[in-house]
Protein backbone atom coordinates (compact mmCIF):
# COMPACT_ATOMS: atom_id res chain seq x y z
CA MET A 1 99.92 93.49 95.84
CA LYS A 2 101.10 90.45 98.20
CA ASN A 3 104.08 93.18 99.12
CA SER A 4 101.72 96.04 100.14
CA ASN A 5 99.63 93.69 102.54
CA CYS A 6 102.91 92.59 104.07
CA PHE A 7 103.62 96.51 104.16
CA LEU A 8 100.31 97.09 105.91
CA TYR A 9 100.76 94.12 108.06
CA SER A 10 103.64 95.72 109.30
CA LEU A 11 102.48 99.18 109.89
CA LEU A 12 99.56 97.59 112.35
CA ASN A 13 101.92 95.78 114.37
CA TYR A 14 104.02 99.07 114.54
CA PHE A 15 101.16 101.12 115.85
CA GLY A 16 99.23 98.30 118.14
CA ASP A 17 95.64 97.89 118.44
CA GLY A 18 95.13 100.76 120.51
CA ASN A 19 95.20 98.45 124.17
CA ASP A 20 98.49 99.74 125.34
CA ALA A 21 98.34 102.34 128.72
CA GLY A 22 97.74 105.23 126.76
CA GLY A 23 95.76 104.15 124.08
CA ARG A 24 95.78 105.98 120.76
CA PRO A 25 93.27 109.19 120.69
CA ASP A 26 92.80 108.83 116.62
CA LEU A 27 92.61 105.86 114.07
CA LYS A 28 95.88 106.56 112.04
CA LEU A 29 95.59 105.23 108.84
CA ASN A 30 99.15 105.30 106.34
CA VAL A 31 98.76 105.22 102.68
CA ARG A 32 100.96 105.21 100.12
CA ARG A 33 99.95 108.32 97.87
CA ASP A 34 100.31 106.13 94.52
CA SER A 35 97.72 103.32 95.85
CA LEU A 36 96.02 105.31 98.20
CA VAL A 37 92.18 103.07 97.93
CA HIS A 38 94.03 100.16 97.93
CA ASP A 39 95.85 100.82 101.37
CA ALA A 40 93.03 102.32 102.88
CA LEU A 41 90.94 99.90 102.40
CA ILE A 42 93.27 97.15 103.19
CA GLY A 43 94.70 99.22 106.22
CA LEU A 44 90.50 99.83 107.30
CA GLU A 45 89.86 95.77 107.21
CA LEU A 46 92.82 95.01 109.04
CA MET A 47 91.70 97.41 111.94
CA ALA A 48 88.49 96.22 112.01
CA MET A 49 89.68 92.67 112.38
CA SER A 50 91.94 93.65 115.40
CA ASN A 51 90.17 95.86 116.95
CA PRO A 52 86.43 97.02 115.80
CA LYS A 53 85.83 99.77 118.34
CA ASP A 54 88.68 101.33 116.88
CA LEU A 55 86.90 102.48 113.41
CA LYS A 56 84.32 104.91 116.01
CA GLN A 57 87.59 107.22 116.55
CA GLN A 58 88.36 110.02 114.30
CA LEU A 59 90.38 108.99 111.11
CA VAL A 60 93.71 110.82 110.73
CA VAL A 61 95.34 109.65 107.06
CA GLU A 62 99.06 109.87 106.80
CA PHE A 63 100.46 109.38 103.50
CA VAL A 64 103.82 107.43 103.73
CA GLY A 65 107.37 109.36 102.95
CA GLU A 66 105.89 112.61 103.64
CA GLN A 67 106.36 115.22 106.18
CA ASP A 68 103.37 116.68 108.56
CA ILE A 69 102.58 119.87 108.02
CA ASP A 70 103.45 121.25 111.50
CA GLU A 71 107.39 119.43 110.87
CA ALA A 72 107.55 120.88 107.23
CA ILE A 73 106.98 124.00 108.86
CA MET A 74 109.73 123.76 111.38
CA PHE A 75 111.96 121.90 109.34
CA PRO A 76 111.56 122.76 105.43
CA LYS A 77 113.69 120.55 103.12
CA ASN A 78 116.07 123.59 101.97
CA SER A 79 116.81 124.80 105.25
CA SER A 80 120.46 124.43 106.65
CA LYS A 81 121.24 123.18 110.16
């Protein structure tokens, strides 16, 4: 459990707190599929502590280690480049 909290803190640091020049349009939450609920709750708690206003943004959930739908269409795993 301690490792997952370190993982989530590193994700929070990676994405910042939304106060940069461009800001982020969505509240991006990265979770692992095998611990979805735990990662989501911890991630939302960290976001709430760093910048509560971010919780009003549209929520986008991304699964760690999985391609986005657009990426999967453009770069299928079995394609030869």
